[in-house]
N, C-alpha and C. Protein backbone atom coordinates (compact mmCIF):
# COMPACT_ATOMS: atom_id res chain seq x y z
N UNK A 1 -20.43 8.08 19.92
CA UNK A 1 -20.70 7.38 18.66
C UNK A 1 -19.44 6.68 18.14
N UNK A 2 -19.66 5.58 17.50
CA UNK A 2 -18.56 4.82 16.91
C UNK A 2 -18.11 5.47 15.61
N UNK A 3 -16.80 5.43 15.38
CA UNK A 3 -16.26 5.96 14.13
C UNK A 3 -16.34 4.89 13.05
N UNK A 4 -16.63 5.30 11.85
CA UNK A 4 -16.66 4.39 10.71
C UNK A 4 -15.25 4.27 10.14
N UNK A 5 -14.86 3.06 9.81
CA UNK A 5 -13.55 2.84 9.20
C UNK A 5 -13.66 1.70 8.20
N UNK A 6 -12.71 1.65 7.30
CA UNK A 6 -12.68 0.58 6.30
C UNK A 6 -11.31 -0.08 6.32
N UNK A 7 -11.28 -1.29 5.85
CA UNK A 7 -10.03 -2.06 5.79
C UNK A 7 -9.94 -2.70 4.41
N UNK A 8 -8.81 -2.51 3.75
CA UNK A 8 -8.58 -3.15 2.45
C UNK A 8 -7.70 -4.37 2.68
N UNK A 9 -8.27 -5.54 2.47
CA UNK A 9 -7.53 -6.78 2.67
C UNK A 9 -6.50 -6.93 1.56
N UNK A 10 -5.23 -7.01 1.94
CA UNK A 10 -4.14 -7.13 0.97
C UNK A 10 -3.65 -8.56 0.85
N UNK A 11 -4.31 -9.49 1.54
CA UNK A 11 -3.91 -10.88 1.50
C UNK A 11 -3.50 -11.36 2.87
N UNK A 12 -3.08 -12.61 2.93
CA UNK A 12 -2.72 -13.23 4.19
C UNK A 12 -1.36 -13.92 4.05
N UNK A 13 -0.51 -13.72 5.04
CA UNK A 13 0.77 -14.43 5.12
C UNK A 13 0.82 -15.10 6.48
N UNK A 14 1.07 -16.41 6.48
CA UNK A 14 1.07 -17.18 7.71
C UNK A 14 2.44 -17.83 7.89
N UNK A 15 2.97 -17.73 9.09
CA UNK A 15 4.22 -18.42 9.42
C UNK A 15 3.91 -19.86 9.77
N UNK A 16 4.72 -20.76 9.22
CA UNK A 16 4.60 -22.18 9.53
C UNK A 16 6.00 -22.62 9.93
N UNK A 17 6.31 -22.51 11.22
CA UNK A 17 7.66 -22.76 11.68
C UNK A 17 8.59 -21.72 11.09
N UNK A 18 9.64 -22.16 10.42
CA UNK A 18 10.58 -21.24 9.76
C UNK A 18 10.12 -20.89 8.35
N UNK A 19 9.03 -21.47 7.90
CA UNK A 19 8.54 -21.26 6.54
C UNK A 19 7.34 -20.33 6.56
N UNK A 20 6.80 -20.03 5.37
CA UNK A 20 5.64 -19.15 5.27
C UNK A 20 4.77 -19.59 4.10
N UNK A 21 3.48 -19.27 4.21
CA UNK A 21 2.53 -19.49 3.13
C UNK A 21 1.75 -18.18 2.96
N UNK A 22 1.57 -17.76 1.72
CA UNK A 22 0.82 -16.54 1.42
C UNK A 22 -0.40 -16.90 0.59
N UNK A 23 -1.49 -16.16 0.80
CA UNK A 23 -2.74 -16.45 0.10
C UNK A 23 -3.44 -15.15 -0.28
N UNK A 24 -3.92 -15.09 -1.49
CA UNK A 24 -4.75 -13.99 -1.97
C UNK A 24 -4.07 -12.63 -1.80
N UNK A 25 -2.78 -12.56 -2.14
CA UNK A 25 -2.00 -11.32 -2.01
C UNK A 25 -2.31 -10.41 -3.20
N UNK A 26 -2.58 -9.14 -2.91
CA UNK A 26 -2.91 -8.16 -3.95
C UNK A 26 -1.77 -8.06 -4.97
N UNK A 27 -2.13 -8.00 -6.23
CA UNK A 27 -1.20 -7.83 -7.36
C UNK A 27 -0.28 -9.02 -7.59
N UNK A 28 -0.59 -10.18 -7.04
CA UNK A 28 0.17 -11.40 -7.29
C UNK A 28 -0.75 -12.36 -8.04
N UNK A 29 -0.34 -12.84 -9.21
CA UNK A 29 -1.23 -13.66 -10.03
C UNK A 29 -1.48 -15.07 -9.49
N UNK A 30 -0.71 -15.52 -8.51
CA UNK A 30 -0.89 -16.85 -7.94
C UNK A 30 -1.72 -16.71 -6.67
N UNK A 31 -2.76 -17.55 -6.53
CA UNK A 31 -3.66 -17.42 -5.37
C UNK A 31 -2.98 -17.80 -4.06
N UNK A 32 -2.28 -18.93 -4.03
CA UNK A 32 -1.60 -19.38 -2.82
C UNK A 32 -0.19 -19.82 -3.19
N UNK A 33 0.79 -19.39 -2.40
CA UNK A 33 2.17 -19.77 -2.68
C UNK A 33 2.98 -19.83 -1.40
N UNK A 34 4.06 -20.56 -1.47
CA UNK A 34 4.97 -20.69 -0.33
C UNK A 34 6.39 -20.51 -0.82
N UNK A 35 7.32 -21.12 -0.11
CA UNK A 35 8.72 -21.06 -0.52
C UNK A 35 9.35 -19.71 -0.25
N UNK A 36 10.43 -19.44 -0.98
CA UNK A 36 11.19 -18.21 -0.79
C UNK A 36 10.35 -16.95 -1.01
N UNK A 37 9.49 -16.88 -2.05
CA UNK A 37 8.69 -15.66 -2.21
C UNK A 37 7.81 -15.33 -1.00
N UNK A 38 7.18 -16.34 -0.42
CA UNK A 38 6.33 -16.11 0.76
C UNK A 38 7.17 -15.72 1.96
N UNK A 39 8.33 -16.35 2.12
CA UNK A 39 9.21 -16.03 3.24
C UNK A 39 9.72 -14.59 3.14
N UNK A 40 10.11 -14.16 1.93
CA UNK A 40 10.57 -12.79 1.74
C UNK A 40 9.44 -11.78 1.97
N UNK A 41 8.24 -12.13 1.56
CA UNK A 41 7.09 -11.26 1.81
C UNK A 41 6.84 -11.13 3.31
N UNK A 42 6.94 -12.23 4.03
CA UNK A 42 6.76 -12.20 5.48
C UNK A 42 7.82 -11.31 6.13
N UNK A 43 9.06 -11.43 5.69
CA UNK A 43 10.14 -10.60 6.23
C UNK A 43 9.91 -9.13 5.90
N UNK A 44 9.45 -8.84 4.69
CA UNK A 44 9.21 -7.45 4.30
C UNK A 44 8.10 -6.82 5.13
N UNK A 45 7.06 -7.59 5.42
CA UNK A 45 5.97 -7.09 6.27
C UNK A 45 6.50 -6.78 7.66
N UNK A 46 7.30 -7.67 8.22
CA UNK A 46 7.87 -7.45 9.55
C UNK A 46 8.81 -6.25 9.55
N UNK A 47 9.63 -6.13 8.51
CA UNK A 47 10.57 -5.00 8.43
C UNK A 47 9.82 -3.68 8.31
N UNK A 48 8.74 -3.67 7.57
CA UNK A 48 7.94 -2.45 7.46
C UNK A 48 7.37 -2.04 8.81
N UNK A 49 6.88 -3.01 9.57
CA UNK A 49 6.34 -2.72 10.89
C UNK A 49 7.44 -2.19 11.81
N UNK A 50 8.60 -2.85 11.81
CA UNK A 50 9.72 -2.39 12.65
C UNK A 50 10.13 -0.98 12.25
N UNK A 51 10.17 -0.70 10.95
CA UNK A 51 10.50 0.64 10.47
C UNK A 51 9.50 1.68 10.99
N UNK A 52 8.22 1.35 10.95
CA UNK A 52 7.19 2.27 11.43
C UNK A 52 7.35 2.56 12.92
N UNK A 53 7.76 1.55 13.69
CA UNK A 53 7.85 1.69 15.14
C UNK A 53 9.18 2.30 15.58
N UNK A 54 10.30 1.83 15.00
CA UNK A 54 11.61 2.24 15.52
C UNK A 54 12.54 2.88 14.50
N UNK A 55 12.25 2.74 13.22
CA UNK A 55 13.08 3.37 12.20
C UNK A 55 13.75 2.38 11.27
N UNK A 56 14.24 2.91 10.17
CA UNK A 56 14.80 2.08 9.11
C UNK A 56 16.07 1.35 9.54
N UNK A 57 16.87 1.97 10.40
CA UNK A 57 18.11 1.33 10.85
C UNK A 57 17.86 0.03 11.58
N UNK A 58 16.91 0.04 12.49
CA UNK A 58 16.59 -1.18 13.23
C UNK A 58 15.93 -2.22 12.33
N UNK A 59 15.13 -1.77 11.38
CA UNK A 59 14.50 -2.72 10.45
C UNK A 59 15.57 -3.42 9.62
N UNK A 60 16.54 -2.67 9.13
CA UNK A 60 17.62 -3.26 8.34
C UNK A 60 18.47 -4.20 9.19
N UNK A 61 18.73 -3.81 10.43
CA UNK A 61 19.53 -4.65 11.32
C UNK A 61 18.81 -5.95 11.67
N UNK A 62 17.49 -5.91 11.76
CA UNK A 62 16.70 -7.09 12.12
C UNK A 62 16.52 -8.07 10.96
N UNK A 63 16.68 -7.60 9.72
CA UNK A 63 16.40 -8.43 8.53
C UNK A 63 17.06 -9.81 8.58
N UNK A 64 18.36 -9.92 8.87
CA UNK A 64 19.00 -11.25 8.85
C UNK A 64 18.46 -12.20 9.93
N UNK A 65 17.91 -11.65 11.00
CA UNK A 65 17.41 -12.49 12.10
C UNK A 65 15.97 -12.94 11.90
N UNK A 66 15.32 -12.45 10.87
CA UNK A 66 13.91 -12.81 10.66
C UNK A 66 13.80 -14.13 9.94
């Protein structure tokens, strides 16, 4: 039997070259935004994933290269 699971959509962040665009992000009053806030959000998402996989040290070390 298949297991039942749920997913809470927290929004979307898309890379556009070196830039980023975010849309429908939870707890953000603006529906769609870009610029530095979207780029920092993209980096934070990547750093969180790296932290989950390899640890906080590698996530911090990778931050400047993102």
